[in-house]
Amino acid sequence: MKEILYRIYLYFSPAFTTIGIYFFVVLGNLPLFFLIANAERLKYLFVPLFLIYLALLIATGRYIQHRKQMCEYKAQYGEELFYRMFPQERKHEERMAKITQFINRIRRKPV
């Protein structure tokens, strides 16, 4: 039974990923839709809320860009020099390794 479920998971994994991406795209645009739809009722609160929404989008993009830049630095300088230059990144890597181990335990292929 586990083998069958695992094969179903592998077969539909790209579809689940695609659905998840579309879900987050739609979910990310819902606040903007509700904000614009209720602009007349919000009156003076519309501008600050709109700016907060834009700030969240910018912060999300900047975080993704920062992670990409850190990966590039690590590839350029090597691990030893990279961790001397950015000691907080070692803690981040350790946290991510723990999360990856947890996910791998969940996804472990059935025997």
N, C-alpha and C. Protein backbone atom coordinates (compact mmCIF):
# COMPACT_ATOMS: atom_id res chain seq x y z
N MET A 1 0.83 -1.20 0.00
CA MET A 1 0.00 0.00 0.00
C MET A 1 0.87 1.26 0.00
N LYS A 2 1.93 1.24 0.84
CA LYS A 2 2.81 2.41 0.89
C LYS A 2 3.50 2.64 -0.44
N GLU A 3 3.87 1.55 -1.11
CA GLU A 3 4.53 1.66 -2.41
C GLU A 3 3.60 2.31 -3.44
N ILE A 4 2.34 1.95 -3.41
CA ILE A 4 1.37 2.53 -4.34
C ILE A 4 1.20 4.02 -4.06
N LEU A 5 1.07 4.39 -2.79
CA LEU A 5 0.94 5.80 -2.44
C LEU A 5 2.18 6.59 -2.82
N TYR A 6 3.34 5.97 -2.66
CA TYR A 6 4.58 6.64 -3.02
C TYR A 6 4.66 6.87 -4.53
N ARG A 7 4.24 5.88 -5.31
CA ARG A 7 4.23 6.04 -6.77
C ARG A 7 3.22 7.11 -7.21
N ILE A 8 2.09 7.16 -6.56
CA ILE A 8 1.10 8.21 -6.85
C ILE A 8 1.69 9.57 -6.53
N TYR A 9 2.37 9.67 -5.39
CA TYR A 9 3.01 10.92 -5.00
C TYR A 9 4.03 11.34 -6.05
N LEU A 10 4.89 10.42 -6.51
CA LEU A 10 5.89 10.75 -7.52
C LEU A 10 5.25 11.16 -8.85
N TYR A 11 4.16 10.49 -9.21
CA TYR A 11 3.50 10.80 -10.47
C TYR A 11 2.86 12.17 -10.46
N PHE A 12 2.23 12.53 -9.35
CA PHE A 12 1.50 13.79 -9.27
C PHE A 12 2.30 14.93 -8.65
N SER A 13 3.55 14.69 -8.27
CA SER A 13 4.35 15.72 -7.62
C SER A 13 4.48 17.00 -8.45
N PRO A 14 4.76 16.93 -9.76
CA PRO A 14 4.82 18.18 -10.54
C PRO A 14 3.48 18.93 -10.56
N ALA A 15 2.39 18.18 -10.60
CA ALA A 15 1.08 18.82 -10.61
C ALA A 15 0.82 19.52 -9.28
N PHE A 16 1.19 18.87 -8.17
CA PHE A 16 1.02 19.49 -6.86
C PHE A 16 1.86 20.76 -6.75
N THR A 17 3.07 20.72 -7.28
CA THR A 17 3.94 21.90 -7.25
C THR A 17 3.32 23.04 -8.05
N THR A 18 2.83 22.73 -9.24
CA THR A 18 2.20 23.76 -10.08
C THR A 18 0.97 24.34 -9.41
N ILE A 19 0.14 23.50 -8.86
CA ILE A 19 -1.05 23.98 -8.16
C ILE A 19 -0.66 24.85 -6.98
N GLY A 20 0.38 24.46 -6.25
CA GLY A 20 0.85 25.26 -5.12
C GLY A 20 1.34 26.63 -5.55
N ILE A 21 2.07 26.69 -6.67
CA ILE A 21 2.56 27.98 -7.16
C ILE A 21 1.38 28.87 -7.53
N TYR A 22 0.43 28.34 -8.28
CA TYR A 22 -0.74 29.14 -8.66
C TYR A 22 -1.54 29.57 -7.43
N PHE A 23 -1.64 28.69 -6.45
CA PHE A 23 -2.34 29.03 -5.22
C PHE A 23 -1.71 30.24 -4.55
N PHE A 24 -0.37 30.24 -4.45
CA PHE A 24 0.29 31.36 -3.79
C PHE A 24 0.25 32.64 -4.63
N VAL A 25 0.22 32.52 -5.94
CA VAL A 25 0.08 33.70 -6.79
C VAL A 25 -1.29 34.33 -6.57
N VAL A 26 -2.32 33.50 -6.58
CA VAL A 26 -3.68 34.01 -6.36
C VAL A 26 -3.80 34.55 -4.94
N LEU A 27 -3.27 33.80 -3.97
CA LEU A 27 -3.33 34.23 -2.58
C LEU A 27 -2.60 35.55 -2.38
N GLY A 28 -1.50 35.75 -3.09
CA GLY A 28 -0.74 36.99 -2.97
C GLY A 28 -1.46 38.19 -3.57
N ASN A 29 -2.33 37.95 -4.55
CA ASN A 29 -3.05 39.05 -5.18
C ASN A 29 -4.40 39.34 -4.53
N LEU A 30 -4.89 38.45 -3.69
CA LEU A 30 -6.17 38.69 -3.03
C LEU A 30 -6.17 39.94 -2.15
N PRO A 31 -5.14 40.19 -1.34
CA PRO A 31 -5.16 41.42 -0.54
C PRO A 31 -5.26 42.68 -1.40
N LEU A 32 -4.55 42.69 -2.52
CA LEU A 32 -4.62 43.85 -3.40
C LEU A 32 -6.03 44.01 -3.98
N PHE A 33 -6.63 42.90 -4.38
CA PHE A 33 -7.99 42.95 -4.90
C PHE A 33 -8.96 43.50 -3.86
N PHE A 34 -8.89 42.97 -2.63
CA PHE A 34 -9.80 43.45 -1.59
C PHE A 34 -9.51 44.90 -1.21
N LEU A 35 -8.27 45.28 -1.26
CA LEU A 35 -7.90 46.66 -0.95
C LEU A 35 -8.48 47.63 -1.97
N ILE A 36 -8.35 47.29 -3.25
CA ILE A 36 -8.88 48.16 -4.30
C ILE A 36 -10.41 48.13 -4.30
N ALA A 37 -10.99 46.96 -4.06
CA ALA A 37 -12.46 46.85 -4.05
C ALA A 37 -13.08 47.66 -2.92
N ASN A 38 -12.37 47.80 -1.80
CA ASN A 38 -12.90 48.52 -0.65
C ASN A 38 -12.25 49.89 -0.46
N ALA A 39 -11.70 50.45 -1.51
CA ALA A 39 -10.98 51.73 -1.40
C ALA A 39 -11.91 52.86 -0.93
N GLU A 40 -13.16 52.87 -1.37
CA GLU A 40 -14.07 53.95 -0.97
C GLU A 40 -14.39 53.87 0.52
N ARG A 41 -14.54 52.67 1.04
CA ARG A 41 -14.83 52.52 2.47
C ARG A 41 -13.61 52.80 3.33
N LEU A 42 -12.44 52.50 2.82
CA LEU A 42 -11.22 52.71 3.60
C LEU A 42 -10.82 54.19 3.69
N LYS A 43 -11.15 54.94 2.67
CA LYS A 43 -10.84 56.37 2.57
C LYS A 43 -9.37 56.65 2.85
N TYR A 44 -9.05 57.22 4.00
CA TYR A 44 -7.68 57.63 4.29
C TYR A 44 -6.76 56.45 4.63
N LEU A 45 -7.33 55.32 4.99
CA LEU A 45 -6.52 54.15 5.30
C LEU A 45 -6.03 53.42 4.06
N PHE A 46 -6.60 53.75 2.90
CA PHE A 46 -6.22 53.05 1.68
C PHE A 46 -4.74 53.22 1.37
N VAL A 47 -4.24 54.44 1.41
CA VAL A 47 -2.84 54.70 1.04
C VAL A 47 -1.86 53.99 1.98
N PRO A 48 -2.01 54.11 3.32
CA PRO A 48 -1.06 53.37 4.18
C PRO A 48 -1.14 51.85 3.99
N LEU A 49 -2.34 51.31 3.84
CA LEU A 49 -2.47 49.87 3.64
C LEU A 49 -1.87 49.43 2.31
N PHE A 50 -2.05 50.24 1.30
CA PHE A 50 -1.46 49.94 -0.01
C PHE A 50 0.07 49.97 0.08
N LEU A 51 0.60 50.94 0.79
CA LEU A 51 2.05 51.03 0.96
C LEU A 51 2.60 49.85 1.78
N ILE A 52 1.86 49.40 2.78
CA ILE A 52 2.27 48.23 3.55
C ILE A 52 2.28 46.99 2.66
N TYR A 53 1.27 46.87 1.81
CA TYR A 53 1.23 45.75 0.88
C TYR A 53 2.44 45.78 -0.05
N LEU A 54 2.74 46.93 -0.60
CA LEU A 54 3.91 47.05 -1.48
C LEU A 54 5.20 46.75 -0.73
N ALA A 55 5.30 47.21 0.52
CA ALA A 55 6.49 46.95 1.32
C ALA A 55 6.67 45.45 1.56
N LEU A 56 5.58 44.74 1.79
CA LEU A 56 5.67 43.29 1.98
C LEU A 56 6.14 42.59 0.71
N LEU A 57 5.64 43.05 -0.44
CA LEU A 57 6.09 42.47 -1.70
C LEU A 57 7.57 42.73 -1.94
N ILE A 58 7.99 43.96 -1.67
CA ILE A 58 9.40 44.31 -1.86
C ILE A 58 10.28 43.52 -0.90
N ALA A 59 9.86 43.39 0.36
CA ALA A 59 10.65 42.66 1.34
C ALA A 59 10.77 41.18 0.96
N THR A 60 9.71 40.61 0.45
CA THR A 60 9.76 39.22 0.01
C THR A 60 10.74 39.04 -1.14
N GLY A 61 10.66 39.92 -2.11
CA GLY A 61 11.58 39.87 -3.24
C GLY A 61 13.03 40.07 -2.81
N ARG A 62 13.24 40.99 -1.90
CA ARG A 62 14.59 41.26 -1.40
C ARG A 62 15.14 40.06 -0.64
N TYR A 63 14.31 39.38 0.13
CA TYR A 63 14.75 38.19 0.86
C TYR A 63 15.20 37.10 -0.12
N ILE A 64 14.40 36.88 -1.15
CA ILE A 64 14.76 35.88 -2.15
C ILE A 64 16.06 36.26 -2.84
N GLN A 65 16.20 37.54 -3.18
CA GLN A 65 17.43 38.02 -3.83
C GLN A 65 18.63 37.86 -2.89
N HIS A 66 18.46 38.12 -1.61
CA HIS A 66 19.53 38.00 -0.63
C HIS A 66 19.99 36.55 -0.52
N ARG A 67 19.05 35.62 -0.47
CA ARG A 67 19.42 34.20 -0.37
C ARG A 67 20.20 33.77 -1.61
N LYS A 68 19.78 34.24 -2.78
CA LYS A 68 20.48 33.91 -4.02
C LYS A 68 21.90 34.47 -3.99
N GLN A 69 22.04 35.69 -3.51
CA GLN A 69 23.35 36.33 -3.43
C GLN A 69 24.26 35.58 -2.46
N MET A 70 23.71 35.12 -1.33
CA MET A 70 24.51 34.37 -0.38
C MET A 70 24.99 33.05 -0.98
N CYS A 71 24.14 32.40 -1.78
CA CYS A 71 24.56 31.17 -2.46
C CYS A 71 25.68 31.45 -3.45
N GLU A 72 25.61 32.57 -4.15
CA GLU A 72 26.67 32.94 -5.09
C GLU A 72 27.97 33.23 -4.36
N TYR A 73 27.90 33.94 -3.24
CA TYR A 73 29.11 34.21 -2.45
C TYR A 73 29.74 32.92 -1.96
N LYS A 74 28.91 32.00 -1.51
CA LYS A 74 29.42 30.73 -1.01
C LYS A 74 30.13 29.96 -2.12
N ALA A 75 29.58 30.01 -3.32
CA ALA A 75 30.21 29.33 -4.45
C ALA A 75 31.53 30.02 -4.85
N GLN A 76 31.59 31.34 -4.74
CA GLN A 76 32.79 32.07 -5.13
C GLN A 76 33.92 31.94 -4.13
N TYR A 77 33.60 32.08 -2.84
CA TYR A 77 34.64 32.15 -1.82
C TYR A 77 34.96 30.81 -1.18
N GLY A 78 34.11 29.83 -1.32
CA GLY A 78 34.30 28.56 -0.63
C GLY A 78 33.71 28.65 0.77
N GLU A 79 33.46 27.49 1.37
CA GLU A 79 32.75 27.47 2.64
C GLU A 79 33.53 28.11 3.78
N GLU A 80 34.82 27.84 3.86
CA GLU A 80 35.60 28.33 5.00
C GLU A 80 35.62 29.86 5.04
N LEU A 81 35.97 30.50 3.93
CA LEU A 81 36.03 31.96 3.89
C LEU A 81 34.63 32.57 4.00
N PHE A 82 33.66 31.91 3.37
CA PHE A 82 32.28 32.41 3.41
C PHE A 82 31.77 32.47 4.85
N TYR A 83 32.00 31.39 5.62
CA TYR A 83 31.50 31.37 6.99
C TYR A 83 32.29 32.30 7.90
N ARG A 84 33.53 32.62 7.54
CA ARG A 84 34.26 33.63 8.30
C ARG A 84 33.70 35.03 8.01
N MET A 85 33.32 35.26 6.75
CA MET A 85 32.77 36.57 6.37
C MET A 85 31.34 36.74 6.89
N PHE A 86 30.56 35.67 6.86
CA PHE A 86 29.15 35.73 7.25
C PHE A 86 28.87 34.64 8.29
N PRO A 87 29.22 34.86 9.56
CA PRO A 87 29.03 33.80 10.57
C PRO A 87 27.56 33.45 10.82
N GLN A 88 26.66 34.38 10.60
CA GLN A 88 25.24 34.09 10.83
C GLN A 88 24.71 33.09 9.80
N GLU A 89 25.39 32.97 8.67
CA GLU A 89 24.93 32.03 7.64
C GLU A 89 25.13 30.58 8.07
N ARG A 90 26.11 30.32 8.92
CA ARG A 90 26.32 28.96 9.41
C ARG A 90 25.10 28.52 10.22
N LYS A 91 24.58 29.43 11.06
CA LYS A 91 23.38 29.11 11.84
C LYS A 91 22.18 28.86 10.92
N HIS A 92 22.09 29.69 9.88
CA HIS A 92 21.00 29.52 8.92
C HIS A 92 21.11 28.17 8.22
N GLU A 93 22.31 27.80 7.81
CA GLU A 93 22.51 26.51 7.15
C GLU A 93 22.17 25.35 8.08
N GLU A 94 22.53 25.46 9.35
CA GLU A 94 22.22 24.39 10.31
C GLU A 94 20.71 24.25 10.49
N ARG A 95 20.01 25.39 10.58
CA ARG A 95 18.54 25.33 10.69
C ARG A 95 17.93 24.68 9.46
N MET A 96 18.43 25.07 8.28
CA MET A 96 17.89 24.51 7.05
C MET A 96 18.19 23.02 6.94
N ALA A 97 19.35 22.59 7.44
CA ALA A 97 19.68 21.16 7.43
C ALA A 97 18.72 20.38 8.32
N LYS A 98 18.37 20.93 9.48
CA LYS A 98 17.41 20.27 10.36
C LYS A 98 16.05 20.14 9.69
N ILE A 99 15.62 21.20 9.02
CA ILE A 99 14.33 21.18 8.33
C ILE A 99 14.36 20.15 7.21
N THR A 100 15.47 20.09 6.47
CA THR A 100 15.61 19.12 5.38
C THR A 100 15.57 17.70 5.90
N GLN A 101 16.24 17.45 7.03
CA GLN A 101 16.20 16.12 7.61
C GLN A 101 14.78 15.74 8.02
N PHE A 102 14.04 16.69 8.57
CA PHE A 102 12.66 16.43 8.95
C PHE A 102 11.80 16.10 7.73
N ILE A 103 11.96 16.85 6.67
CA ILE A 103 11.19 16.61 5.45
C ILE A 103 11.56 15.26 4.84
N ASN A 104 12.85 14.94 4.86
CA ASN A 104 13.28 13.65 4.31
C ASN A 104 12.72 12.48 5.11
N ARG A 105 12.59 12.64 6.43
CA ARG A 105 11.98 11.58 7.22
C ARG A 105 10.52 11.39 6.83
N ILE A 106 9.84 12.47 6.54
CA ILE A 106 8.43 12.38 6.13
C ILE A 106 8.32 11.74 4.76
N ARG A 107 9.20 12.12 3.83
CA ARG A 107 9.13 11.64 2.44
C ARG A 107 9.85 10.32 2.23
N ARG A 108 10.40 9.73 3.26
CA ARG A 108 11.22 8.53 3.10
C ARG A 108 10.49 7.48 2.27
N LYS A 109 11.24 6.93 1.32
CA LYS A 109 10.67 5.91 0.44
C LYS A 109 10.33 4.67 1.25
N PRO A 110 9.13 4.13 1.09
CA PRO A 110 8.75 2.93 1.84
C PRO A 110 9.59 1.73 1.42
N VAL A 111 9.84 0.88 2.39
CA VAL A 111 10.68 -0.31 2.13
C VAL A 111 9.85 -1.45 1.63
